[in-house]
Amino acid sequence: MRVLYYDCFSGISGDMNLGALLDLGVDRHYLKQELSKLSLDTEFDLTIQPSCKMGISGTKVTVKLTHQHANPNGWHVHPHTSDHHHHEHRTFKSIEAMIQNSTLSDWVKERSIKMFWCVALAEGKIHGKSPYEVAFHEVGAVDSIVDIIGAAICLEALHVSKIMASKIELGGGFVQCAHGTLPVPAPATLEILHNVPVSLGRVPSEMTTPTGAAIIKANVDTFSDKPTLVIEKIGYGIGHKDFTIPNVLRVLLGEEEDVVSIPEEIVLETNIDDMSPEILSYVQERLFDAGVKDVYTTAITTKKNRLGVKLSVLVSADKEAKATEIIFAETSSIGLRRSTIQKIMLDREIKMVSTPYGKISVKCTFSHGELLKYKAEYEECKTAALSHEVPISMIYESVAKAMTKEINHV
């Protein structure tokens, strides 16, 4: 499985993300060509250049506005360059319309709107308004538009099946914005990353922006600090700030082996040598009625050479307590051995087949989608045989004929 992994030890911003994905191999001319479909060419210049931060080489992206915009009230300003440029007043609704009216691919449109919606929801909650009503620069700024739609364009170009990420470092300290001095992380960043694993305070500065948070929230499938990958490529997006650690976003492109999940079951066992086998038969019935997976006995020799049986019960975790209660209540056992096992099973399905003696349930098992074996349900065959006063073998033969017809028909 082709996987993209975000290693966010120094956080993430929109421009760092673009730099990292371009450094990974996305064609810069393709990115610019796709961005031109937004008809915003006159509003910004996109500069892509090699750069280095604390000895780590990568790609640095700068979105520079070609003219000044009015700066509406907003929670946080995070310039891509050292000069604090202003942002145009736009809303989620207007940006959604711009995206839908473009000739971008449907995948890019859908993913871009999903990222913008993450920001709109957060800003709307902070401002106490509907996400459709708020007018705020985090959604409206041209650089945020380029960052988010550019992210979708690059992700589509990479053709990955899964996106993973480490914990997201948010930084700490305080930041100056239109509302005054606010703590880092910015309120919008925290709101977007609700239920996402994060770390804080690595440096006293903002390390993850609302735009970067939205890219993570909308695209990452799994969070893990210990991914298992065969790494093919590594990309670095260079940030604009200087920290005591490298201000870079590292992304890894590789293959993850498909992991076969083997379910675990519980085995309860006890040795019994001082009770009637008839009662054990009753115990088996009670355990099956309680929902255990299997019950069986094994002939053993216990201490002082006494003949006995080992009672074994295969049960799922949610039925374990009830099974334990039944064993202690109905047998002479005063202790159980408990172990967990992995259970490998074929896929199974119950089919109903029509026979001259009525419909019979058949348990079918499959391997890789192919029918491997089947077995008619005994109790139903027994009932049919007694009802029609025929040998039970005739019921089994009729089931076999019905299954043969069904297999040949398929």
Protein backbone atom coordinates (compact mmCIF):
# COMPACT_ATOMS: atom_id res chain seq x y z
CA MET A 1 0.00 0.00 0.00
CA ARG A 2 1.41 3.38 -1.05
CA VAL A 3 1.58 5.65 2.00
CA LEU A 4 2.43 9.31 2.67
CA TYR A 5 3.68 10.01 6.20
CA TYR A 6 3.84 13.49 7.78
CA ASP A 7 6.60 13.78 10.38
CA CYS A 8 5.48 16.96 12.14
CA PHE A 9 8.23 17.28 14.77
CA SER A 10 8.39 21.00 13.91
CA GLY A 11 4.70 21.50 13.20
CA ILE A 12 3.15 22.26 9.83
CA SER A 13 2.05 25.31 7.88
CA GLY A 14 0.55 25.61 4.43
CA ASP A 15 3.74 26.79 2.72
CA MET A 16 5.89 24.15 4.47
CA ASN A 17 3.45 21.49 3.25
CA LEU A 18 3.69 22.69 -0.34
CA GLY A 19 7.48 22.77 -0.09
CA ALA A 20 7.66 19.25 1.33
CA LEU A 21 5.35 17.73 -1.31
CA LEU A 22 7.24 19.49 -4.12
CA ASP A 23 10.53 18.31 -2.62
CA LEU A 24 9.06 14.81 -2.66
CA GLY A 25 8.76 14.99 -6.43
CA VAL A 26 5.52 16.73 -7.39
CA ASP A 27 6.18 18.74 -10.54
CA ARG A 28 6.21 22.49 -9.80
CA HIS A 29 5.03 23.38 -13.30
CA TYR A 30 2.05 21.05 -12.87
CA LEU A 31 1.19 22.74 -9.56
CA LYS A 32 1.32 26.21 -11.10
CA GLN A 33 -0.69 25.07 -14.11
CA GLU A 34 -3.45 23.65 -11.89
CA LEU A 35 -3.49 26.74 -9.64
CA SER A 36 -3.99 28.91 -12.72
CA LYS A 37 -7.46 27.33 -13.07
CA LEU A 38 -8.56 29.50 -10.13
CA SER A 39 -8.12 32.73 -12.12
CA LEU A 40 -6.14 34.29 -9.27
CA ASP A 41 -2.90 34.70 -11.24
CA THR A 42 -2.92 38.48 -10.92
CA GLU A 43 -3.21 38.31 -7.13
CA PHE A 44 -0.09 36.36 -6.20
CA ASP A 45 3.34 35.15 -7.26
CA LEU A 46 4.46 31.67 -6.25
CA THR A 47 8.19 31.41 -5.59
CA ILE A 48 9.69 27.91 -5.29
CA GLN A 49 13.37 27.62 -4.47
CA PRO A 50 15.87 25.30 -2.80
CA SER A 51 16.69 26.29 0.75
CA CYS A 52 18.43 25.02 3.86
CA LYS A 53 17.57 25.16 7.56
CA MET A 54 20.17 24.12 10.16
CA GLY A 55 21.96 21.89 7.65
CA ILE A 56 18.81 20.26 6.22
CA SER A 57 18.20 20.96 2.53
CA GLY A 58 14.72 21.13 1.09
CA THR A 59 12.24 23.27 -0.80
CA LYS A 60 10.93 26.65 0.31
CA VAL A 61 7.67 28.07 -1.02
CA THR A 62 6.68 31.74 -0.75
CA VAL A 63 3.27 33.07 -1.70
CA LYS A 64 3.70 36.78 -2.31
CA LEU A 65 0.67 38.97 -2.93
CA THR A 66 0.90 41.30 -5.89
CA HIS A 67 -1.27 43.97 -4.27
CA GLN A 68 -2.46 44.96 -0.81
CA HIS A 69 -5.83 43.83 0.54
CA ALA A 70 -8.01 45.14 3.31
CA ASN A 71 -7.31 43.33 6.56
CA PRO A 72 -10.59 42.25 8.23
CA ASN A 73 -10.65 41.25 11.86
CA GLY A 74 -9.39 37.73 12.35
CA TRP A 75 -7.88 35.55 15.02
CA HIS A 76 -4.40 35.20 13.71
CA VAL A 77 -2.02 36.46 11.08
CA HIS A 78 0.74 34.09 9.94
CA PRO A 79 2.68 35.70 7.07
CA HIS A 80 4.64 33.52 4.69
CA THR A 81 7.25 36.24 4.40
CA SER A 82 8.81 38.57 6.93
CA ASP A 83 6.60 41.48 5.90
CA HIS A 84 3.11 41.35 7.42
CA HIS A 85 1.00 41.57 4.28
CA HIS A 86 -2.73 42.14 4.45
CA HIS A 87 -5.49 39.77 3.42
CA GLU A 88 -8.54 40.12 1.21
CA HIS A 89 -11.97 39.78 2.77
CA ARG A 90 -13.42 36.45 1.59
CA THR A 91 -15.89 33.95 3.03
CA PHE A 92 -16.17 30.18 2.87
CA LYS A 93 -19.20 30.46 0.60
CA SER A 94 -17.39 32.61 -1.95
CA ILE A 95 -14.35 30.34 -1.95
CA GLU A 96 -16.52 27.24 -2.34
CA ALA A 97 -18.15 28.83 -5.38
CA MET A 98 -14.76 29.74 -6.83
CA ILE A 99 -13.56 26.14 -6.46
CA GLN A 100 -16.73 24.60 -7.88
CA ASN A 101 -16.68 26.96 -10.88
CA SER A 102 -13.08 26.07 -11.72
CA THR A 103 -11.88 23.27 -14.02
CA LEU A 104 -9.97 21.50 -11.23
CA SER A 105 -10.58 17.78 -10.89
CA ASP A 106 -13.53 16.62 -8.79
CA TRP A 107 -11.11 15.03 -6.27
CA VAL A 108 -9.20 18.29 -5.81
CA LYS A 109 -12.44 20.25 -5.49
CA GLU A 110 -13.84 17.90 -2.86
CA ARG A 111 -10.61 17.74 -0.84
CA SER A 112 -10.05 21.51 -1.00
CA ILE A 113 -13.57 22.27 0.22
CA LYS A 114 -13.14 19.73 3.01
CA MET A 115 -10.01 21.55 4.25
CA PHE A 116 -11.65 24.98 4.02
CA TRP A 117 -14.66 23.64 5.90
CA CYS A 118 -12.41 22.55 8.78
CA VAL A 119 -11.21 26.13 9.13
CA ALA A 120 -14.71 27.57 8.66
CA LEU A 121 -16.15 25.40 11.41
CA ALA A 122 -13.38 26.37 13.82
CA GLU A 123 -13.56 30.10 13.11
CA GLY A 124 -17.35 30.02 13.22
CA LYS A 125 -17.33 28.40 16.64
CA ILE A 126 -14.75 30.88 17.96
CA HIS A 127 -16.69 33.88 16.62
CA GLY A 128 -20.06 32.43 17.65
CA LYS A 129 -21.42 32.46 14.10
CA SER A 130 -22.44 30.03 11.39
CA PRO A 131 -19.41 28.91 9.35
CA TYR A 132 -21.21 30.27 6.28
CA GLU A 133 -21.54 33.71 7.84
CA VAL A 134 -18.07 34.41 9.18
CA ALA A 135 -15.75 36.58 7.15
CA PHE A 136 -12.20 35.97 8.26
CA HIS A 137 -8.82 36.06 6.66
CA GLU A 138 -7.78 32.47 7.43
CA VAL A 139 -10.29 31.36 4.81
CA GLY A 140 -10.25 34.51 2.72
CA ALA A 141 -6.53 35.15 2.30
CA VAL A 142 -5.05 34.45 -1.10
CA ASP A 143 -2.07 32.68 0.45
CA SER A 144 -4.38 30.33 2.37
CA ILE A 145 -6.29 29.61 -0.85
CA VAL A 146 -3.03 28.73 -2.61
CA ASP A 147 -1.83 26.63 0.33
CA ILE A 148 -5.01 24.58 0.68
CA ILE A 149 -5.89 24.04 -2.97
CA GLY A 150 -2.19 23.50 -3.73
CA ALA A 151 -2.15 20.80 -1.04
CA ALA A 152 -5.05 19.00 -2.71
CA ILE A 153 -3.38 19.26 -6.12
CA CYS A 154 -0.12 17.79 -4.80
CA LEU A 155 -1.82 15.01 -2.84
CA GLU A 156 -3.75 13.93 -5.92
CA ALA A 157 -0.53 13.91 -7.95
CA LEU A 158 1.16 11.54 -5.46
CA HIS A 159 -1.52 8.83 -5.88
CA VAL A 160 -1.26 7.54 -2.31
CA SER A 161 -3.72 5.07 -0.79
CA LYS A 162 -3.21 6.19 2.80
CA ILE A 163 -1.98 9.29 4.64
CA MET A 164 -0.45 9.02 8.11
CA ALA A 165 1.05 11.52 10.54
CA SER A 166 2.98 11.76 13.77
CA LYS A 167 1.83 13.84 16.72
CA ILE A 168 1.52 17.46 15.62
CA GLU A 169 3.87 19.86 17.41
CA LEU A 170 2.04 23.15 18.10
CA GLY A 171 4.71 25.23 19.82
CA GLY A 172 4.02 27.72 22.61
CA GLY A 173 4.34 31.32 23.74
CA PHE A 174 2.22 34.17 22.42
CA VAL A 175 1.42 35.76 19.06
CA GLN A 176 0.31 39.26 18.06
CA CYS A 177 -2.82 39.52 15.91
CA ALA A 178 -5.77 41.82 15.20
CA HIS A 179 -7.32 40.92 18.57
CA GLY A 180 -4.14 41.65 20.52
CA THR A 181 -1.82 39.15 22.17
CA LEU A 182 -3.10 35.58 22.01
CA PRO A 183 -1.59 32.37 23.31
CA VAL A 184 -0.03 29.78 21.03
CA PRO A 185 -1.53 27.54 19.76
CA ALA A 186 -4.03 29.91 18.19
CA PRO A 187 -7.66 29.20 19.15
CA ALA A 188 -8.50 28.14 15.58
CA THR A 189 -5.58 25.71 15.44
CA LEU A 190 -6.66 24.02 18.67
CA GLU A 191 -10.27 23.84 17.56
CA ILE A 192 -9.35 22.24 14.22
CA LEU A 193 -7.09 19.66 15.86
CA HIS A 194 -9.71 18.47 18.34
CA ASN A 195 -9.24 14.70 18.86
CA VAL A 196 -5.88 14.77 17.04
CA PRO A 197 -2.70 13.80 18.98
CA VAL A 198 -0.53 16.87 19.56
CA SER A 199 2.50 18.01 21.54
CA LEU A 200 3.17 21.52 22.83
CA GLY A 201 5.95 23.83 23.91
CA ARG A 202 8.94 22.54 21.98
CA VAL A 203 9.78 26.15 21.12
CA PRO A 204 8.16 29.42 22.30
CA SER A 205 6.64 30.20 18.91
CA GLU A 206 3.79 29.15 16.66
CA MET A 207 4.76 25.93 14.87
CA THR A 208 1.40 24.85 13.43
CA THR A 209 -0.92 27.32 11.71
CA PRO A 210 -4.69 26.93 11.22
CA THR A 211 -4.06 26.19 7.55
CA GLY A 212 -1.54 23.48 8.42
CA ALA A 213 -3.94 22.07 11.00
CA ALA A 214 -6.72 21.87 8.41
CA ILE A 215 -4.45 20.03 5.97
CA ILE A 216 -3.76 17.43 8.65
CA LYS A 217 -7.34 17.17 9.93
CA ALA A 218 -8.94 16.73 6.52
CA ASN A 219 -6.43 14.33 4.98
CA VAL A 220 -4.75 12.12 7.57
CA ASP A 221 -6.21 8.64 7.99
CA THR A 222 -4.04 7.38 10.87
CA PHE A 223 -1.78 8.91 13.52
CA SER A 224 1.29 6.99 14.66
CA ASP A 225 4.74 7.91 15.96
CA LYS A 226 6.05 4.48 14.96
CA PRO A 227 5.04 3.79 11.36
CA THR A 228 6.25 0.67 9.61
CA LEU A 229 7.24 1.67 6.08
CA VAL A 230 9.61 0.79 3.29
CA ILE A 231 10.72 4.37 2.50
CA GLU A 232 11.03 5.30 -1.17
CA LYS A 233 11.42 9.10 -1.01
CA ILE A 234 11.89 11.83 1.61
CA GLY A 235 10.89 15.46 1.20
CA TYR A 236 11.58 18.54 3.33
CA GLY A 237 9.52 21.73 3.35
CA ILE A 238 11.55 24.64 4.71
CA GLY A 239 9.81 27.10 7.04
CA HIS A 240 10.36 30.86 7.14
CA LYS A 241 11.06 31.17 10.86
CA ASP A 242 14.21 30.23 12.76
CA PHE A 243 13.92 28.05 15.86
CA THR A 244 16.34 26.24 18.13
CA ILE A 245 15.38 23.12 16.18
CA PRO A 246 15.13 22.73 12.37
CA ASN A 247 11.96 24.48 11.22
CA VAL A 248 11.17 21.94 8.54
CA LEU A 249 8.32 19.61 7.67
CA ARG A 250 9.49 16.11 6.77
CA VAL A 251 7.33 13.86 4.61
CA LEU A 252 7.99 10.25 3.71
CA LEU A 253 6.64 8.35 0.73
CA GLY A 254 6.76 4.58 0.95
CA GLU A 255 5.04 1.22 1.03
CA GLU A 256 3.23 -0.22 4.01
CA GLU A 257 2.68 -3.96 4.11
CA ASP A 258 -0.95 -4.98 4.36
CA VAL A 259 -1.40 -6.30 7.88
CA VAL A 260 -3.75 -9.25 8.30
CA SER A 261 -5.68 -8.79 11.51
CA ILE A 262 -6.02 -12.07 13.39
CA PRO A 263 -8.80 -11.93 15.98
CA GLU A 264 -8.03 -13.00 19.54
CA GLU A 265 -10.22 -15.32 21.58
CA ILE A 266 -10.04 -16.56 25.17
CA VAL A 267 -9.67 -20.20 26.24
CA LEU A 268 -10.92 -21.24 29.69
CA GLU A 269 -9.87 -24.69 30.90
CA THR A 270 -10.38 -26.79 34.01
CA ASN A 271 -9.68 -30.41 34.99
CA ILE A 272 -12.63 -32.37 36.42
CA ASP A 273 -12.49 -35.87 37.92
CA ASP A 274 -15.28 -35.92 40.49
CA MET A 275 -18.61 -35.33 38.74
CA SER A 276 -21.01 -37.16 36.45
CA PRO A 277 -20.44 -36.92 32.67
CA GLU A 278 -24.20 -36.36 32.30
CA ILE A 279 -23.90 -33.08 34.17
CA LEU A 280 -21.03 -32.05 31.88
CA SER A 281 -23.36 -32.52 28.92
CA TYR A 282 -25.79 -30.11 30.60
CA VAL A 283 -22.96 -27.66 31.25
CA GLN A 284 -22.02 -27.75 27.56
CA GLU A 285 -25.58 -26.87 26.57
CA ARG A 286 -25.69 -23.96 29.01
CA LEU A 287 -22.37 -22.61 27.75
CA PHE A 288 -23.48 -22.75 24.12
CA ASP A 289 -26.75 -21.02 25.05
CA ALA A 290 -24.63 -18.29 26.70
CA GLY A 291 -22.90 -17.60 23.37
CA VAL A 292 -19.48 -19.24 23.69
CA LYS A 293 -17.73 -20.18 20.44
CA ASP A 294 -16.90 -23.79 21.30
CA VAL A 295 -16.98 -26.30 24.17
CA TYR A 296 -15.18 -29.63 24.20
CA THR A 297 -13.80 -32.21 26.62
CA THR A 298 -10.59 -34.21 26.52
CA ALA A 299 -10.02 -37.47 28.41
CA ILE A 300 -7.13 -37.09 30.87
CA THR A 301 -5.58 -38.75 33.89
CA THR A 302 -5.42 -36.51 36.96
CA LYS A 303 -3.53 -36.81 40.23
CA LYS A 304 -3.53 -40.19 41.98
CA ASN A 305 -4.16 -41.67 38.53
CA ARG A 306 -7.83 -40.75 38.59
CA LEU A 307 -9.66 -40.70 35.25
CA GLY A 308 -11.07 -37.31 34.38
CA VAL A 309 -11.81 -34.79 31.64
CA LYS A 310 -10.41 -31.43 30.68
CA LEU A 311 -13.23 -28.99 29.97
CA SER A 312 -12.17 -26.39 27.37
CA VAL A 313 -14.24 -23.35 26.44
CA LEU A 314 -13.49 -20.96 23.56
CA VAL A 315 -15.14 -17.62 24.26
CA SER A 316 -14.98 -13.97 23.22
CA ALA A 317 -14.09 -11.30 25.78
CA ASP A 318 -17.63 -10.00 26.09
CA LYS A 319 -18.98 -13.47 27.01
CA GLU A 320 -16.11 -14.51 29.30
CA ALA A 321 -17.70 -13.40 32.58
CA LYS A 322 -20.92 -15.30 31.89
CA ALA A 323 -19.03 -18.45 30.86
CA THR A 324 -16.92 -18.30 34.04
CA GLU A 325 -20.07 -17.92 36.14
CA ILE A 326 -21.66 -21.01 34.54
CA ILE A 327 -18.55 -23.17 34.97
CA PHE A 328 -18.21 -22.35 38.68
CA ALA A 329 -21.95 -22.72 39.31
CA GLU A 330 -22.54 -25.97 37.40
CA THR A 331 -19.29 -27.95 37.83
CA SER A 332 -17.11 -29.04 40.74
CA SER A 333 -14.27 -26.81 39.48
CA ILE A 334 -12.72 -24.34 41.92
CA GLY A 335 -10.26 -22.77 39.48
CA LEU A 336 -9.73 -22.01 35.80
CA ARG A 337 -6.75 -21.65 33.50
CA ARG A 338 -7.14 -18.65 31.19
CA SER A 339 -5.18 -17.93 28.01
CA THR A 340 -5.60 -15.81 24.90
CA ILE A 341 -5.14 -17.30 21.45
CA GLN A 342 -5.21 -16.03 17.89
CA LYS A 343 -7.91 -17.63 15.78
CA ILE A 344 -7.44 -18.01 12.02
CA MET A 345 -10.74 -18.58 10.27
CA LEU A 346 -11.98 -19.02 6.76
CA ASP A 347 -14.68 -16.61 5.64
CA ARG A 348 -18.05 -18.18 6.19
CA GLU A 349 -21.61 -17.68 5.03
CA ILE A 350 -24.92 -19.48 5.62
CA LYS A 351 -26.80 -20.34 2.42
CA MET A 352 -30.32 -21.69 2.17
CA VAL A 353 -30.75 -24.42 -0.46
CA SER A 354 -34.01 -25.95 -1.68
CA THR A 355 -34.33 -29.74 -1.58
CA PRO A 356 -37.27 -32.15 -2.09
CA TYR A 357 -37.44 -32.24 1.70
CA GLY A 358 -37.61 -28.49 2.22
CA LYS A 359 -35.07 -25.70 2.65
CA ILE A 360 -31.86 -26.60 4.50
CA SER A 361 -29.22 -24.20 5.89
CA VAL A 362 -25.71 -24.88 4.63
CA LYS A 363 -22.57 -23.43 6.22
CA CYS A 364 -20.21 -22.46 3.37
CA THR A 365 -16.55 -21.53 3.89
CA PHE A 366 -14.43 -19.51 1.48
CA SER A 367 -10.75 -18.91 0.87
CA HIS A 368 -9.84 -15.78 -1.12
CA GLY A 369 -13.43 -15.58 -2.33
CA GLU A 370 -13.55 -19.17 -3.60
CA LEU A 371 -15.89 -21.75 -2.07
CA LEU A 372 -13.69 -24.26 -0.26
CA LYS A 373 -16.11 -26.52 1.60
CA TYR A 374 -19.65 -26.69 2.89
CA LYS A 375 -21.71 -28.59 5.44
CA ALA A 376 -25.45 -28.93 5.94
CA GLU A 377 -26.79 -28.05 9.40
CA TYR A 378 -27.30 -31.34 11.25
CA GLU A 379 -30.36 -30.37 13.28
CA GLU A 380 -32.25 -29.26 10.16
CA CYS A 381 -31.28 -32.46 8.31
CA LYS A 382 -32.43 -34.51 11.31
CA THR A 383 -35.78 -32.69 11.44
CA ALA A 384 -36.31 -33.18 7.68
CA ALA A 385 -35.44 -36.89 7.87
CA LEU A 386 -37.87 -37.53 10.73
CA SER A 387 -40.61 -35.46 9.12
CA HIS A 388 -40.37 -37.27 5.76
CA GLU A 389 -39.48 -40.65 7.31
CA VAL A 390 -36.39 -41.13 5.15
CA PRO A 391 -32.78 -41.94 6.09
CA ILE A 392 -30.82 -38.85 7.04
CA SER A 393 -28.24 -39.76 4.40
CA MET A 394 -30.86 -38.96 1.74
CA ILE A 395 -31.18 -35.45 3.16
CA TYR A 396 -27.42 -34.94 2.93
CA GLU A 397 -27.39 -36.28 -0.64
CA SER A 398 -30.16 -33.88 -1.67
CA VAL A 399 -28.21 -30.97 -0.17
CA ALA A 400 -25.10 -32.02 -2.10
CA LYS A 401 -27.07 -32.08 -5.37
CA ALA A 402 -28.54 -28.65 -4.66
CA MET A 403 -25.10 -27.20 -3.86
CA THR A 404 -23.61 -28.72 -7.03
CA LYS A 405 -26.28 -27.00 -9.11
CA GLU A 406 -25.65 -23.69 -7.38
CA ILE A 407 -21.88 -23.93 -7.84
CA ASN A 408 -22.20 -24.81 -11.53
CA HIS A 409 -24.68 -21.99 -12.00
CA VAL A 410 -22.24 -19.50 -10.48
